[in-house]
């Protein structure tokens, strides 16, 4: 062991660079493993709403979230000052006017046992069907009027055939007559 050559500065720098590279790679690997196990321990990457809340607050949160499903809002499709009303006649305008006509008529939903939110959509159709099957308020002669309103409503909202001015006028007359009853 006579004399060993001293380490060159290049070798020292390379050893330090490789050491720091290994340290950074191990750090990244360990951090990923810790996060992976932390996410596995829960039911998912996100905690449920009100996870660590007191029982009363959690029940209140769940009750409010259930109320959100009962919110229904259908906006007016055509406002009275809409530019589309003055342009050329198209089927879609009469369809929109037919659906807005329900809002414009004064149906006494509360007095007839329906909800005031039953203005349009599936609730209105269900309300008309219940009205047709109830024998206490309307006679069989008015059931044809309800059928006319139902047919016009279905054509306006879901129908694929043409819904023009003639169909709209017929539907509007039946709807106004039903509202007056």
Protein backbone atom coordinates (compact mmCIF):
# COMPACT_ATOMS: atom_id res chain seq x y z
CA UNK A 1 0.00 0.00 0.00
CA UNK A 2 2.42 2.36 -1.07
CA UNK A 3 0.70 5.45 -2.09
CA UNK A 4 -2.70 5.41 -3.64
CA UNK A 5 -3.56 8.12 -6.04
CA UNK A 6 -5.91 10.70 -4.58
CA UNK A 7 -9.46 10.86 -5.91
CA UNK A 8 -9.83 13.25 -8.70
CA UNK A 9 -12.32 16.07 -8.34
CA UNK A 10 -14.31 14.74 -11.31
CA UNK A 11 -14.91 11.44 -9.53
CA UNK A 12 -16.05 13.20 -6.36
CA UNK A 13 -18.54 15.34 -8.29
CA UNK A 14 -19.91 12.27 -10.10
CA UNK A 15 -20.40 10.34 -6.85
CA UNK A 16 -22.19 13.29 -5.28
CA UNK A 17 -24.42 13.72 -8.36
CA UNK A 18 -25.36 10.02 -8.42
CA UNK A 19 -26.04 10.09 -4.68
CA UNK A 20 -28.33 13.10 -4.91
CA UNK A 21 -30.13 11.56 -7.92
CA UNK A 22 -30.76 8.34 -5.98
CA UNK A 23 -31.98 10.36 -2.99
CA UNK A 24 -34.46 12.37 -5.15
CA UNK A 25 -35.78 9.23 -6.86
CA UNK A 26 -36.28 7.46 -3.51
CA UNK A 27 -38.04 10.52 -2.12
CA UNK A 28 -40.46 10.64 -5.09
CA UNK A 29 -41.11 6.90 -4.89
CA UNK A 30 -41.81 7.00 -1.14
CA UNK A 31 -44.12 10.01 -1.46
CA UNK A 32 -46.16 8.29 -4.18
CA UNK A 33 -46.44 5.09 -2.11
CA UNK A 34 -47.60 7.00 0.96
CA UNK A 35 -50.25 8.85 -1.05
CA UNK A 36 -51.39 5.64 -2.69
CA UNK A 37 -51.90 3.89 0.62
CA UNK A 38 -53.62 6.95 2.09
CA UNK A 39 -56.13 7.00 -0.76
CA UNK A 40 -56.76 3.26 -0.48
CA UNK A 41 -57.54 3.45 3.21
CA UNK A 42 -60.57 5.69 2.58
CA UNK A 43 -63.46 4.84 0.29
CA UNK A 44 -62.09 6.99 -2.46
CA UNK A 45 -60.07 10.06 -3.17
CA UNK A 46 -62.89 12.30 -1.93
CA UNK A 47 -64.49 12.33 1.50
CA UNK A 48 -68.30 12.28 1.62
CA UNK A 49 -70.15 15.49 2.43
CA UNK A 50 -70.27 16.09 6.16
CA UNK A 51 -67.68 13.37 6.82
CA UNK A 52 -66.43 14.57 10.21
CA UNK A 53 -69.47 16.69 11.08
CA UNK A 54 -71.63 16.11 14.15
CA UNK A 55 -74.65 13.87 13.68
CA UNK A 56 -77.22 16.69 13.71
CA UNK A 57 -75.31 18.69 11.11
CA UNK A 58 -74.85 15.62 8.91
CA UNK A 59 -78.62 14.94 9.01
CA UNK A 60 -79.34 18.57 8.16
CA UNK A 61 -76.95 18.41 5.19
CA UNK A 62 -78.60 15.22 3.89
CA UNK A 63 -82.08 16.72 4.28
CA UNK A 64 -81.09 19.83 2.32
CA UNK A 65 -79.51 17.70 -0.43
CA UNK A 66 -82.74 15.70 -0.74
CA UNK A 67 -84.69 18.96 -1.15
CA UNK A 68 -82.54 19.93 -4.12
CA UNK A 69 -84.05 17.09 -6.17
CA UNK A 70 -87.52 18.61 -5.77
CA UNK A 71 -86.58 21.95 -7.32
CA UNK A 72 -88.28 22.40 -10.69
CA UNK A 73 -88.03 25.46 -12.83
CA UNK A 74 -88.97 25.77 -16.45
CA UNK A 75 -88.39 29.23 -17.88
CA UNK A 76 -90.62 31.03 -20.34
CA UNK A 77 -89.66 29.98 -23.83
CA UNK A 78 -90.79 33.14 -25.59
CA UNK A 79 -91.07 36.53 -23.97
CA UNK A 80 -93.75 38.91 -25.32
CA UNK A 81 -91.12 41.24 -26.80
CA UNK A 82 -89.16 38.45 -28.50
CA UNK A 83 -87.94 39.18 -32.04
CA UNK A 84 -88.82 35.69 -33.21
CA UNK A 85 -92.56 36.41 -32.85
CA UNK A 86 -92.47 38.94 -35.70
CA UNK A 87 -90.34 36.88 -38.08
CA UNK A 88 -91.60 34.19 -40.46
CA UNK A 89 -93.78 31.48 -39.00
CA UNK A 90 -91.99 28.33 -37.91
CA UNK A 91 -93.20 25.24 -36.12
CA UNK A 92 -90.90 25.71 -33.17
CA UNK A 93 -92.42 29.11 -32.34
CA UNK A 94 -95.91 27.65 -32.12
CA UNK A 95 -94.58 24.81 -29.99
CA UNK A 96 -92.95 27.28 -27.60
CA UNK A 97 -96.07 29.45 -27.52
CA UNK A 98 -98.19 26.37 -26.74
CA UNK A 99 -96.01 25.50 -23.76
CA UNK A 100 -96.01 29.10 -22.54
CA UNK A 101 -99.80 29.22 -22.88
CA UNK A 102 -100.11 26.85 -19.92
CA UNK A 103 -98.41 29.46 -17.75
CA UNK A 104 -100.66 32.24 -19.08
CA UNK A 105 -103.93 30.47 -18.29
CA UNK A 106 -105.17 30.61 -14.73
CA UNK A 107 -105.60 27.03 -13.66
CA UNK A 108 -106.69 26.74 -10.03
CA UNK A 109 -104.20 23.98 -9.21
CA UNK A 110 -104.55 24.31 -5.43
CA UNK A 111 -108.36 24.23 -5.40
CA UNK A 112 -108.43 21.18 -7.64
CA UNK A 113 -106.07 19.23 -5.43
CA UNK A 114 -102.92 19.72 -7.48
CA UNK A 115 -99.69 21.43 -6.57
CA UNK A 116 -98.95 24.96 -7.67
CA UNK A 117 -95.65 23.74 -9.09
CA UNK A 118 -97.54 21.58 -11.61
CA UNK A 119 -97.33 24.23 -14.30
CA UNK A 120 -95.49 22.44 -17.06
CA UNK A 121 -93.79 19.18 -17.81
CA UNK A 122 -94.64 15.75 -16.53
CA UNK A 123 -96.59 17.12 -13.57
CA UNK A 124 -99.00 19.03 -15.80
CA UNK A 125 -99.64 15.96 -17.92
CA UNK A 126 -100.16 13.82 -14.80
CA UNK A 127 -102.50 16.45 -13.37
CA UNK A 128 -104.58 16.43 -16.57
CA UNK A 129 -104.76 12.64 -16.55
CA UNK A 130 -105.90 12.63 -12.93
CA UNK A 131 -108.44 15.31 -13.76
CA UNK A 132 -109.81 13.18 -16.60
CA UNK A 133 -110.15 10.07 -14.43
CA UNK A 134 -111.79 11.87 -11.52
CA UNK A 135 -115.56 11.70 -11.88
CA UNK A 136 -116.44 14.22 -9.21
CA UNK A 137 -115.52 17.44 -11.02
CA UNK A 138 -115.97 16.78 -14.70
CA UNK A 139 -118.55 14.82 -16.62
CA UNK A 140 -117.78 12.66 -19.62
CA UNK A 141 -118.44 15.59 -21.96
CA UNK A 142 -115.48 17.50 -20.53
CA UNK A 143 -113.18 14.50 -20.78
CA UNK A 144 -113.03 15.05 -24.56
CA UNK A 145 -111.87 18.60 -23.85
CA UNK A 146 -109.12 17.27 -21.57
CA UNK A 147 -108.16 14.77 -24.28
CA UNK A 148 -107.87 17.64 -26.78
CA UNK A 149 -105.58 19.56 -24.41
CA UNK A 150 -103.50 16.44 -23.74
CA UNK A 151 -103.19 15.68 -27.44
CA UNK A 152 -102.16 19.25 -28.24
CA UNK A 153 -99.68 19.30 -25.37
CA UNK A 154 -98.10 16.01 -26.48
CA UNK A 155 -97.86 17.21 -30.09
CA UNK A 156 -96.33 20.52 -29.03
CA UNK A 157 -93.83 19.08 -26.59
CA UNK A 158 -92.96 15.63 -27.95
CA UNK A 159 -94.53 15.29 -31.39
CA UNK A 160 -92.52 14.91 -34.57
CA UNK A 161 -95.30 15.99 -36.92
CA UNK A 162 -95.91 19.60 -37.88
CA UNK A 163 -97.39 21.86 -35.21
CA UNK A 164 -98.49 25.05 -36.94
CA UNK A 165 -100.89 27.87 -36.35
CA UNK A 166 -104.06 25.79 -36.84
CA UNK A 167 -103.00 23.25 -34.23
CA UNK A 168 -101.94 26.03 -31.88
CA UNK A 169 -105.28 27.85 -32.17
CA UNK A 170 -107.19 24.61 -31.53
CA UNK A 171 -104.99 23.85 -28.52
CA UNK A 172 -105.29 27.42 -27.19
CA UNK A 173 -109.09 27.36 -27.40
CA UNK A 174 -109.31 24.02 -25.62
CA UNK A 175 -106.88 25.21 -22.94
CA UNK A 176 -108.83 28.43 -22.32
CA UNK A 177 -112.14 26.56 -22.18
CA UNK A 178 -110.67 24.08 -19.70
CA UNK A 179 -109.33 26.95 -17.58
CA UNK A 180 -112.73 28.64 -17.56
CA UNK A 181 -114.36 25.44 -16.26
